[in-house]
PDB file of N, CA and C in Angstrom:
ATOM      1  N   PHE A   1       8.062  28.272  29.822  1.00  0.00           N
ATOM      2  CA  PHE A   1       8.228  26.857  30.038  1.00  0.00           C
ATOM      3  C   PHE A   1       6.949  26.247  30.619  1.00  0.00           C
ATOM      4  N   GLY A   2       6.285  26.984  31.502  1.00  0.00           N
ATOM      5  CA  GLY A   2       5.061  26.494  32.139  1.00  0.00           C
ATOM      6  C   GLY A   2       3.952  26.243  31.129  1.00  0.00           C
ATOM      7  N   TYR A   3       3.798  27.152  30.149  1.00  0.00           N
ATOM      8  CA  TYR A   3       2.760  26.978  29.124  1.00  0.00           C
ATOM      9  C   TYR A   3       3.076  25.774  28.228  1.00  0.00           C
ATOM     10  N   THR A   4       4.355  25.553  27.980  1.00  0.00           N
ATOM     11  CA  THR A   4       4.754  24.397  27.170  1.00  0.00           C
ATOM     12  C   THR A   4       4.399  23.106  27.888  1.00  0.00           C
ATOM     13  N   LEU A   5       4.694  23.029  29.168  1.00  0.00           N
ATOM     14  CA  LEU A   5       4.365  21.852  29.964  1.00  0.00           C
ATOM     15  C   LEU A   5       2.856  21.628  30.006  1.00  0.00           C
ATOM     16  N   LEU A   6       2.104  22.686  30.193  1.00  0.00           N
ATOM     17  CA  LEU A   6       0.642  22.591  30.198  1.00  0.00           C
ATOM     18  C   LEU A   6       0.131  22.098  28.841  1.00  0.00           C
ATOM     19  N   GLY A   7       0.729  22.592  27.777  1.00  0.00           N
ATOM     20  CA  GLY A   7       0.344  22.167  26.430  1.00  0.00           C
ATOM     21  C   GLY A   7       0.610  20.686  26.207  1.00  0.00           C
ATOM     22  N   TYR A   8       1.764  20.202  26.645  1.00  0.00           N
ATOM     23  CA  TYR A   8       2.104  18.778  26.495  1.00  0.00           C
ATOM     24  C   TYR A   8       1.128  17.904  27.281  1.00  0.00           C
ATOM     25  N   ARG A   9       0.798  18.324  28.472  1.00  0.00           N
ATOM     26  CA  ARG A   9      -0.154  17.541  29.277  1.00  0.00           C
ATOM     27  C   ARG A   9      -1.524  17.480  28.598  1.00  0.00           C
ATOM     28  N   SER A  10      -1.962  18.599  28.058  1.00  0.00           N
ATOM     29  CA  SER A  10      -3.245  18.622  27.356  1.00  0.00           C
ATOM     30  C   SER A  10      -3.202  17.735  26.109  1.00  0.00           C
ATOM     31  N   LEU A  11      -2.091  17.782  25.423  1.00  0.00           N
ATOM     32  CA  LEU A  11      -1.916  16.950  24.232  1.00  0.00           C
ATOM     33  C   LEU A  11      -1.992  15.471  24.590  1.00  0.00           C
ATOM     34  N   LEU A  12      -1.297  15.062  25.618  1.00  0.00           N
ATOM     35  CA  LEU A  12      -1.319  13.662  26.040  1.00  0.00           C
ATOM     36  C   LEU A  12      -2.714  13.222  26.468  1.00  0.00           C
ATOM     37  N   ARG A  13      -3.427  14.083  27.138  1.00  0.00           N
ATOM     38  CA  ARG A  13      -4.786  13.759  27.559  1.00  0.00           C
ATOM     39  C   ARG A  13      -5.684  13.587  26.334  1.00  0.00           C
ATOM     40  N   GLY A  14      -5.524  14.453  25.345  1.00  0.00           N
ATOM     41  CA  GLY A  14      -6.320  14.361  24.119  1.00  0.00           C
ATOM     42  C   GLY A  14      -5.987  13.128  23.297  1.00  0.00           C
ATOM     43  N   ILE A  15      -4.715  12.812  23.178  1.00  0.00           N
ATOM     44  CA  ILE A  15      -4.299  11.628  22.421  1.00  0.00           C
ATOM     45  C   ILE A  15      -4.864  10.358  23.057  1.00  0.00           C
ATOM     46  N   GLY A  16      -4.962  10.359  24.362  1.00  0.00           N
ATOM     47  CA  GLY A  16      -5.514   9.196  25.068  1.00  0.00           C
ATOM     48  C   GLY A  16      -6.966   8.922  24.724  1.00  0.00           C
ATOM     49  N   LYS A  17      -7.657   9.891  24.173  1.00  0.00           N
ATOM     50  CA  LYS A  17      -9.072   9.733  23.811  1.00  0.00           C
ATOM     51  C   LYS A  17      -9.271   9.302  22.361  1.00  0.00           C
ATOM     52  N   VAL A  18      -8.210   9.288  21.582  1.00  0.00           N
ATOM     53  CA  VAL A  18      -8.300   8.940  20.167  1.00  0.00           C
ATOM     54  C   VAL A  18      -8.405   7.424  20.014  1.00  0.00           C
ATOM     55  N   GLU A  19      -9.344   6.987  19.174  1.00  0.00           N
ATOM     56  CA  GLU A  19      -9.518   5.566  18.895  1.00  0.00           C
ATOM     57  C   GLU A  19      -9.475   5.332  17.397  1.00  0.00           C
ATOM     58  N   VAL A  20      -8.931   4.192  16.995  1.00  0.00           N
ATOM     59  CA  VAL A  20      -8.863   3.826  15.582  1.00  0.00           C
ATOM     60  C   VAL A  20     -10.165   3.135  15.195  1.00  0.00           C
ATOM     61  N   ASP A  21     -10.749   3.577  14.091  1.00  0.00           N
ATOM     62  CA  ASP A  21     -11.945   2.926  13.547  1.00  0.00           C
ATOM     63  C   ASP A  21     -11.463   1.835  12.594  1.00  0.00           C
ATOM     64  N   GLN A  22     -11.344   0.613  13.108  1.00  0.00           N
ATOM     65  CA  GLN A  22     -10.787  -0.496  12.340  1.00  0.00           C
ATOM     66  C   GLN A  22     -11.565  -0.765  11.050  1.00  0.00           C
ATOM     67  N   GLU A  23     -12.892  -0.682  11.107  1.00  0.00           N
ATOM     68  CA  GLU A  23     -13.702  -0.937   9.911  1.00  0.00           C
ATOM     69  C   GLU A  23     -13.425   0.103   8.830  1.00  0.00           C
ATOM     70  N   ALA A  24     -13.348   1.365   9.210  1.00  0.00           N
ATOM     71  CA  ALA A  24     -13.064   2.425   8.238  1.00  0.00           C
ATOM     72  C   ALA A  24     -11.655   2.261   7.674  1.00  0.00           C
ATOM     73  N   LEU A  25     -10.729   1.868   8.520  1.00  0.00           N
ATOM     74  CA  LEU A  25      -9.356   1.646   8.081  1.00  0.00           C
ATOM     75  C   LEU A  25      -9.296   0.531   7.043  1.00  0.00           C
ATOM     76  N   MET A  26      -9.969  -0.571   7.296  1.00  0.00           N
ATOM     77  CA  MET A  26      -9.964  -1.691   6.356  1.00  0.00           C
ATOM     78  C   MET A  26     -10.669  -1.326   5.047  1.00  0.00           C
ATOM     79  N   ARG A  27     -11.770  -0.591   5.125  1.00  0.00           N
ATOM     80  CA  ARG A  27     -12.464  -0.140   3.906  1.00  0.00           C
ATOM     81  C   ARG A  27     -11.547   0.740   3.066  1.00  0.00           C
ATOM     82  N   ASP A  28     -10.845   1.625   3.731  1.00  0.00           N
ATOM     83  CA  ASP A  28      -9.941   2.530   3.031  1.00  0.00           C
ATOM     84  C   ASP A  28      -8.808   1.752   2.359  1.00  0.00           C
ATOM     85  N   LEU A  29      -8.223   0.824   3.082  1.00  0.00           N
ATOM     86  CA  LEU A  29      -7.152   0.010   2.505  1.00  0.00           C
ATOM     87  C   LEU A  29      -7.651  -0.800   1.307  1.00  0.00           C
ATOM     88  N   ASP A  30      -8.814  -1.415   1.446  1.00  0.00           N
ATOM     89  CA  ASP A  30      -9.352  -2.262   0.376  1.00  0.00           C
ATOM     90  C   ASP A  30      -9.708  -1.491  -0.881  1.00  0.00           C
ATOM     91  N   SER A  31      -9.827  -0.199  -0.786  1.00  0.00           N
ATOM     92  CA  SER A  31     -10.163   0.582  -1.975  1.00  0.00           C
ATOM     93  C   SER A  31      -8.933   1.247  -2.605  1.00  0.00           C
ATOM     94  N   HIS A  32      -7.743   0.955  -2.079  1.00  0.00           N
ATOM     95  CA  HIS A  32      -6.517   1.580  -2.592  1.00  0.00           C
ATOM     96  C   HIS A  32      -5.431   0.539  -2.881  1.00  0.00           C
ATOM     97  N   PHE A  33      -5.643  -0.216  -3.933  1.00  0.00           N
ATOM     98  CA  PHE A  33      -4.690  -1.254  -4.306  1.00  0.00           C
ATOM     99  C   PHE A  33      -3.405  -0.684  -4.893  1.00  0.00           C
ATOM    100  N   GLU A  34      -3.358   0.620  -5.136  1.00  0.00           N
ATOM    101  CA  GLU A  34      -2.100   1.208  -5.607  1.00  0.00           C
ATOM    102  C   GLU A  34      -0.999   1.072  -4.560  1.00  0.00           C
ATOM    103  N   ILE A  35      -1.384   0.777  -3.330  1.00  0.00           N
ATOM    104  CA  ILE A  35      -0.412   0.521  -2.265  1.00  0.00           C
ATOM    105  C   ILE A  35       0.508  -0.631  -2.656  1.00  0.00           C
ATOM    106  N   LEU A  36       0.007  -1.547  -3.468  1.00  0.00           N
ATOM    107  CA  LEU A  36       0.794  -2.713  -3.881  1.00  0.00           C
ATOM    108  C   LEU A  36       1.765  -2.404  -5.014  1.00  0.00           C
ATOM    109  N   GLY A  37       1.842  -1.150  -5.409  1.00  0.00           N
ATOM    110  CA  GLY A  37       2.738  -0.748  -6.486  1.00  0.00           C
ATOM    111  C   GLY A  37       4.181  -1.121  -6.226  1.00  0.00           C
ATOM    112  N   GLU A  38       4.621  -1.020  -4.986  1.00  0.00           N
ATOM    113  CA  GLU A  38       6.000  -1.379  -4.638  1.00  0.00           C
ATOM    114  C   GLU A  38       6.262  -2.850  -4.946  1.00  0.00           C
ATOM    115  N   ALA A  39       5.336  -3.715  -4.568  1.00  0.00           N
ATOM    116  CA  ALA A  39       5.494  -5.152  -4.816  1.00  0.00           C
ATOM    117  C   ALA A  39       5.530  -5.438  -6.311  1.00  0.00           C
ATOM    118  N   VAL A  40       4.627  -4.834  -7.059  1.00  0.00           N
ATOM    119  CA  VAL A  40       4.574  -5.047  -8.503  1.00  0.00           C
ATOM    120  C   VAL A  40       5.865  -4.544  -9.148  1.00  0.00           C
ATOM    121  N   GLN A  41       6.294  -3.368  -8.749  1.00  0.00           N
ATOM    122  CA  GLN A  41       7.505  -2.781  -9.328  1.00  0.00           C
ATOM    123  C   GLN A  41       8.732  -3.646  -9.043  1.00  0.00           C
ATOM    124  N   THR A  42       8.802  -4.208  -7.861  1.00  0.00           N
ATOM    125  CA  THR A  42       9.917  -5.077  -7.496  1.00  0.00           C
ATOM    126  C   THR A  42       9.951  -6.318  -8.384  1.00  0.00           C
ATOM    127  N   VAL A  43       8.803  -6.927  -8.611  1.00  0.00           N
ATOM    128  CA  VAL A  43       8.741  -8.124  -9.453  1.00  0.00           C
ATOM    129  C   VAL A  43       9.074  -7.764 -10.906  1.00  0.00           C
ATOM    130  N   LEU A  44       8.563  -6.639 -11.385  1.00  0.00           N
ATOM    131  CA  LEU A  44       8.867  -6.221 -12.751  1.00  0.00           C
ATOM    132  C   LEU A  44      10.373  -6.031 -12.936  1.00  0.00           C
ATOM    133  N   ARG A  45      11.004  -5.409 -11.980  1.00  0.00           N
ATOM    134  CA  ARG A  45      12.453  -5.187 -12.074  1.00  0.00           C
ATOM    135  C   ARG A  45      13.230  -6.493 -11.969  1.00  0.00           C
ATOM    136  N   LYS A  46      12.710  -7.427 -11.184  1.00  0.00           N
ATOM    137  CA  LYS A  46      13.343  -8.739 -11.051  1.00  0.00           C
ATOM    138  C   LYS A  46      13.439  -9.426 -12.414  1.00  0.00           C
ATOM    139  N   TYR A  47      12.431  -9.208 -13.256  1.00  0.00           N
ATOM    140  CA  TYR A  47      12.401  -9.838 -14.571  1.00  0.00           C
ATOM    141  C   TYR A  47      12.868  -8.900 -15.686  1.00  0.00           C
ATOM    142  N   GLY A  48      13.505  -7.815 -15.303  1.00  0.00           N
ATOM    143  CA  GLY A  48      14.125  -6.924 -16.280  1.00  0.00           C
ATOM    144  C   GLY A  48      13.161  -6.125 -17.133  1.00  0.00           C
ATOM    145  N   VAL A  49      11.938  -5.909 -16.649  1.00  0.00           N
ATOM    146  CA  VAL A  49      10.962  -5.121 -17.405  1.00  0.00           C
ATOM    147  C   VAL A  49      11.380  -3.655 -17.323  1.00  0.00           C
ATOM    148  N   LYS A  50      11.601  -3.067 -18.471  1.00  0.00           N
ATOM    149  CA  LYS A  50      12.027  -1.664 -18.512  1.00  0.00           C
ATOM    150  C   LYS A  50      10.838  -0.755 -18.180  1.00  0.00           C
ATOM    151  N   ASN A  51      11.143   0.387 -17.610  1.00  0.00           N
ATOM    152  CA  ASN A  51      10.140   1.403 -17.272  1.00  0.00           C
ATOM    153  C   ASN A  51       9.070   0.880 -16.321  1.00  0.00           C
ATOM    154  N   ALA A  52       9.467   0.081 -15.347  1.00  0.00           N
ATOM    155  CA  ALA A  52       8.515  -0.478 -14.384  1.00  0.00           C
ATOM    156  C   ALA A  52       7.762   0.630 -13.654  1.00  0.00           C
ATOM    157  N   TYR A  53       8.477   1.642 -13.219  1.00  0.00           N
ATOM    158  CA  TYR A  53       7.845   2.745 -12.501  1.00  0.00           C
ATOM    159  C   TYR A  53       6.831   3.467 -13.372  1.00  0.00           C
ATOM    160  N   GLU A  54       7.207   3.770 -14.589  1.00  0.00           N
ATOM    161  CA  GLU A  54       6.321   4.502 -15.494  1.00  0.00           C
ATOM    162  C   GLU A  54       5.075   3.682 -15.829  1.00  0.00           C
ATOM    163  N   LEU A  55       5.242   2.384 -15.977  1.00  0.00           N
ATOM    164  CA  LEU A  55       4.118   1.492 -16.244  1.00  0.00           C
ATOM    165  C   LEU A  55       3.093   1.570 -15.118  1.00  0.00           C
ATOM    166  N   LEU A  56       3.580   1.517 -13.883  1.00  0.00           N
ATOM    167  CA  LEU A  56       2.691   1.623 -12.723  1.00  0.00           C
ATOM    168  C   LEU A  56       2.077   3.013 -12.614  1.00  0.00           C
ATOM    169  N   LYS A  57       2.869   4.012 -12.834  1.00  0.00           N
ATOM    170  CA  LYS A  57       2.392   5.392 -12.726  1.00  0.00           C
ATOM    171  C   LYS A  57       1.241   5.625 -13.695  1.00  0.00           C
ATOM    172  N   ASP A  58       1.415   5.187 -14.937  1.00  0.00           N
ATOM    173  CA  ASP A  58       0.359   5.378 -15.932  1.00  0.00           C
ATOM    174  C   ASP A  58      -0.914   4.642 -15.559  1.00  0.00           C
ATOM    175  N   MET A  59      -0.774   3.512 -14.908  1.00  0.00           N
ATOM    176  CA  MET A  59      -1.940   2.705 -14.556  1.00  0.00           C
ATOM    177  C   MET A  59      -2.674   3.246 -13.331  1.00  0.00           C
ATOM    178  N   THR A  60      -1.965   3.859 -12.403  1.00  0.00           N
ATOM    179  CA  THR A  60      -2.580   4.195 -11.116  1.00  0.00           C
ATOM    180  C   THR A  60      -2.835   5.679 -10.862  1.00  0.00           C
ATOM    181  N   ARG A  61      -2.090   6.574 -11.438  1.00  0.00           N
ATOM    182  CA  ARG A  61      -2.195   7.994 -11.103  1.00  0.00           C
ATOM    183  C   ARG A  61      -3.534   8.585 -11.533  1.00  0.00           C
ATOM    184  N   GLY A  62      -4.193   9.199 -10.563  1.00  0.00           N
ATOM    185  CA  GLY A  62      -5.421   9.933 -10.848  1.00  0.00           C
ATOM    186  C   GLY A  62      -6.606   9.064 -11.223  1.00  0.00           C
ATOM    187  N   LYS A  63      -6.547   7.794 -10.907  1.00  0.00           N
ATOM    188  CA  LYS A  63      -7.627   6.874 -11.255  1.00  0.00           C
ATOM    189  C   LYS A  63      -8.038   6.081 -10.023  1.00  0.00           C
ATOM    190  N   ASP A  64      -9.256   5.567 -10.056  1.00  0.00           N
ATOM    191  CA  ASP A  64      -9.655   4.616  -9.027  1.00  0.00           C
ATOM    192  C   ASP A  64      -8.932   3.318  -9.331  1.00  0.00           C
ATOM    193  N   PHE A  65      -8.265   2.774  -8.348  1.00  0.00           N
ATOM    194  CA  PHE A  65      -7.473   1.566  -8.569  1.00  0.00           C
ATOM    195  C   PHE A  65      -7.787   0.574  -7.461  1.00  0.00           C
ATOM    196  N   GLY A  66      -8.924  -0.090  -7.600  1.00  0.00           N
ATOM    197  CA  GLY A  66      -9.366  -1.071  -6.619  1.00  0.00           C
ATOM    198  C   GLY A  66      -8.914  -2.467  -6.977  1.00  0.00           C
ATOM    199  N   LYS A  67      -9.501  -3.441  -6.321  1.00  0.00           N
ATOM    200  CA  LYS A  67      -9.107  -4.832  -6.494  1.00  0.00           C
ATOM    201  C   LYS A  67      -9.264  -5.303  -7.940  1.00  0.00           C
ATOM    202  N   HIS A  68     -10.393  -5.010  -8.553  1.00  0.00           N
ATOM    203  CA  HIS A  68     -10.645  -5.482  -9.913  1.00  0.00           C
ATOM    204  C   HIS A  68      -9.652  -4.880 -10.903  1.00  0.00           C
ATOM    205  N   GLU A  69      -9.367  -3.602 -10.759  1.00  0.00           N
ATOM    206  CA  GLU A  69      -8.398  -2.941 -11.638  1.00  0.00           C
ATOM    207  C   GLU A  69      -6.993  -3.512 -11.426  1.00  0.00           C
ATOM    208  N   TYR A  70      -6.670  -3.767 -10.172  1.00  0.00           N
ATOM    209  CA  TYR A  70      -5.358  -4.324  -9.846  1.00  0.00           C
ATOM    210  C   TYR A  70      -5.168  -5.702 -10.492  1.00  0.00           C
ATOM    211  N   ILE A  71      -6.136  -6.573 -10.310  1.00  0.00           N
ATOM    212  CA  ILE A  71      -6.021  -7.924 -10.861  1.00  0.00           C
ATOM    213  C   ILE A  71      -5.960  -7.884 -12.388  1.00  0.00           C
ATOM    214  N   ALA A  72      -6.778  -7.038 -13.003  1.00  0.00           N
ATOM    215  CA  ALA A  72      -6.743  -6.906 -14.461  1.00  0.00           C
ATOM    216  C   ALA A  72      -5.367  -6.413 -14.914  1.00  0.00           C
ATOM    217  N   PHE A  73      -4.790  -5.487 -14.186  1.00  0.00           N
ATOM    218  CA  PHE A  73      -3.460  -4.960 -14.503  1.00  0.00           C
ATOM    219  C   PHE A  73      -2.391  -6.050 -14.378  1.00  0.00           C
ATOM    220  N   VAL A  74      -2.442  -6.804 -13.283  1.00  0.00           N
ATOM    221  CA  VAL A  74      -1.452  -7.865 -13.055  1.00  0.00           C
ATOM    222  C   VAL A  74      -1.503  -8.896 -14.182  1.00  0.00           C
ATOM    223  N   LYS A  75      -2.688  -9.210 -14.660  1.00  0.00           N
ATOM    224  CA  LYS A  75      -2.831 -10.201 -15.735  1.00  0.00           C
ATOM    225  C   LYS A  75      -2.125  -9.766 -17.027  1.00  0.00           C
ATOM    226  N   THR A  76      -1.931  -8.459 -17.204  1.00  0.00           N
ATOM    227  CA  THR A  76      -1.306  -7.954 -18.430  1.00  0.00           C
ATOM    228  C   THR A  76       0.217  -7.875 -18.348  1.00  0.00           C
ATOM    229  N   LEU A  77       0.778  -8.112 -17.186  1.00  0.00           N
ATOM    230  CA  LEU A  77       2.210  -7.928 -16.990  1.00  0.00           C
ATOM    231  C   LEU A  77       3.038  -8.997 -17.705  1.00  0.00           C
ATOM    232  N   PRO A  78       4.187  -8.604 -18.252  1.00  0.00           N
ATOM    233  CA  PRO A  78       5.064  -9.549 -18.956  1.00  0.00           C
ATOM    234  C   PRO A  78       5.999 -10.294 -17.993  1.00  0.00           C
ATOM    235  N   ILE A  79       5.395 -11.057 -17.092  1.00  0.00           N
ATOM    236  CA  ILE A  79       6.137 -11.834 -16.095  1.00  0.00           C
ATOM    237  C   ILE A  79       5.572 -13.247 -16.075  1.00  0.00           C
ATOM    238  N   PRO A  80       6.294 -14.199 -15.476  1.00  0.00           N
ATOM    239  CA  PRO A  80       5.792 -15.577 -15.414  1.00  0.00           C
ATOM    240  C   PRO A  80       4.452 -15.675 -14.668  1.00  0.00           C
ATOM    241  N   GLU A  81       3.667 -16.648 -15.083  1.00  0.00           N
ATOM    242  CA  GLU A  81       2.334 -16.854 -14.487  1.00  0.00           C
ATOM    243  C   GLU A  81       2.413 -17.070 -12.978  1.00  0.00           C
ATOM    244  N   LYS A  82       3.448 -17.766 -12.522  1.00  0.00           N
ATOM    245  CA  LYS A  82       3.645 -18.022 -11.091  1.00  0.00           C
ATOM    246  C   LYS A  82       3.711 -16.702 -10.311  1.00  0.00           C
ATOM    247  N   GLU A  83       4.416 -15.733 -10.853  1.00  0.00           N
ATOM    248  CA  GLU A  83       4.545 -14.421 -10.199  1.00  0.00           C
ATOM    249  C   GLU A  83       3.217 -13.672 -10.217  1.00  0.00           C
ATOM    250  N   LYS A  84       2.480 -13.781 -11.299  1.00  0.00           N
ATOM    251  CA  LYS A  84       1.170 -13.130 -11.385  1.00  0.00           C
ATOM    252  C   LYS A  84       0.239 -13.661 -10.300  1.00  0.00           C
ATOM    253  N   ILE A  85       0.255 -14.968 -10.113  1.00  0.00           N
ATOM    254  CA  ILE A  85      -0.595 -15.583  -9.086  1.00  0.00           C
ATOM    255  C   ILE A  85      -0.227 -15.059  -7.705  1.00  0.00           C
ATOM    256  N   GLN A  86       1.077 -14.952  -7.439  1.00  0.00           N
ATOM    257  CA  GLN A  86       1.534 -14.427  -6.142  1.00  0.00           C
ATOM    258  C   GLN A  86       1.081 -12.979  -5.951  1.00  0.00           C
ATOM    259  N   LEU A  87       1.216 -12.166  -6.990  1.00  0.00           N
ATOM    260  CA  LEU A  87       0.801 -10.761  -6.894  1.00  0.00           C
ATOM    261  C   LEU A  87      -0.709 -10.642  -6.703  1.00  0.00           C
ATOM    262  N   GLU A  88      -1.473 -11.499  -7.358  1.00  0.00           N
ATOM    263  CA  GLU A  88      -2.931 -11.447  -7.232  1.00  0.00           C
ATOM    264  C   GLU A  88      -3.398 -11.788  -5.827  1.00  0.00           C
ATOM    265  N   LYS A  89      -2.618 -12.557  -5.089  1.00  0.00           N
ATOM    266  CA  LYS A  89      -2.977 -12.937  -3.716  1.00  0.00           C
ATOM    267  C   LYS A  89      -2.760 -11.805  -2.710  1.00  0.00           C
ATOM    268  N   LEU A  90      -1.926 -10.829  -3.073  1.00  0.00           N
ATOM    269  CA  LEU A  90      -1.634  -9.734  -2.148  1.00  0.00           C
ATOM    270  C   LEU A  90      -2.839  -8.826  -1.951  1.00  0.00           C
ATOM    271  N   THR A  91      -2.928  -8.245  -0.762  1.00  0.00           N
ATOM    272  CA  THR A  91      -3.932  -7.211  -0.486  1.00  0.00           C
ATOM    273  C   THR A  91      -3.238  -6.058   0.227  1.00  0.00           C
ATOM    274  N   PRO A  92      -3.786  -4.855   0.125  1.00  0.00           N
ATOM    275  CA  PRO A  92      -3.173  -3.723   0.831  1.00  0.00           C
ATOM    276  C   PRO A  92      -3.131  -3.928   2.345  1.00  0.00           C
ATOM    277  N   ALA A  93      -4.090  -4.653   2.889  1.00  0.00           N
ATOM    278  CA  ALA A  93      -4.146  -4.847   4.338  1.00  0.00           C
ATOM    279  C   ALA A  93      -3.089  -5.822   4.840  1.00  0.00           C
ATOM    280  N   THR A  94      -2.603  -6.696   3.966  1.00  0.00           N
ATOM    281  CA  THR A  94      -1.649  -7.709   4.419  1.00  0.00           C
ATOM    282  C   THR A  94      -0.237  -7.479   3.910  1.00  0.00           C
ATOM    283  N   TYR A  95      -0.055  -6.627   2.928  1.00  0.00           N
ATOM    284  CA  TYR A  95       1.271  -6.420   2.347  1.00  0.00           C
ATOM    285  C   TYR A  95       2.136  -5.552   3.257  1.00  0.00           C
ATOM    286  N   ILE A  96       3.302  -6.071   3.627  1.00  0.00           N
ATOM    287  CA  ILE A  96       4.222  -5.293   4.461  1.00  0.00           C
ATOM    288  C   ILE A  96       5.623  -5.232   3.861  1.00  0.00           C
ATOM    289  N   GLY A  97       5.766  -5.707   2.649  1.00  0.00           N
ATOM    290  CA  GLY A  97       7.062  -5.624   1.987  1.00  0.00           C
ATOM    291  C   GLY A  97       8.138  -6.371   2.741  1.00  0.00           C
ATOM    292  N   LEU A  98       9.269  -5.725   2.933  1.00  0.00           N
ATOM    293  CA  LEU A  98      10.402  -6.346   3.628  1.00  0.00           C
ATOM    294  C   LEU A  98      10.467  -5.982   5.106  1.00  0.00           C
ATOM    295  N   ALA A  99       9.395  -5.466   5.646  1.00  0.00           N
ATOM    296  CA  ALA A  99       9.404  -4.960   7.018  1.00  0.00           C
ATOM    297  C   ALA A  99       9.915  -5.982   8.035  1.00  0.00           C
ATOM    298  N   LEU A 100       9.511  -7.232   7.899  1.00  0.00           N
ATOM    299  CA  LEU A 100       9.945  -8.229   8.877  1.00  0.00           C
ATOM    300  C   LEU A 100      11.438  -8.505   8.783  1.00  0.00           C
ATOM    301  N   ARG A 101      11.982  -8.451   7.567  1.00  0.00           N
ATOM    302  CA  ARG A 101      13.420  -8.697   7.411  1.00  0.00           C
ATOM    303  C   ARG A 101      14.263  -7.510   7.837  1.00  0.00           C
ATOM    304  N   LEU A 102      13.691  -6.312   7.821  1.00  0.00           N
ATOM    305  CA  LEU A 102      14.457  -5.101   8.120  1.00  0.00           C
ATOM    306  C   LEU A 102      14.437  -4.714   9.588  1.00  0.00           C
ATOM    307  N   LYS A 103      13.647  -5.382  10.404  1.00  0.00           N
ATOM    308  CA  LYS A 103      13.531  -4.949  11.803  1.00  0.00           C
ATOM    309  C   LYS A 103      14.710  -5.243  12.645  1.00  0.00           C
TER     310      LYS A 103
END
């Protein structure tokens, strides 16, 4: 029990020294627009687009999927222009889905 307590104290001391590199975090988010796949898939399903998941999977898996690729992809979607504009405004850093409604 004593070694466990000592380990927890050391862990807490170490965690207290950890800092988030905000710039690196934002760079990482900005280069991974596949994070917005949930939002795109939700809109596709709203308009009855079949195989929404597969469409996204084919577009994003194993590829670089940055802002330019994302916007080009959104422009090809079979949804109303109003929805495309809304999707184009999203960014990985600001998208939180339904988090505020679910809290």
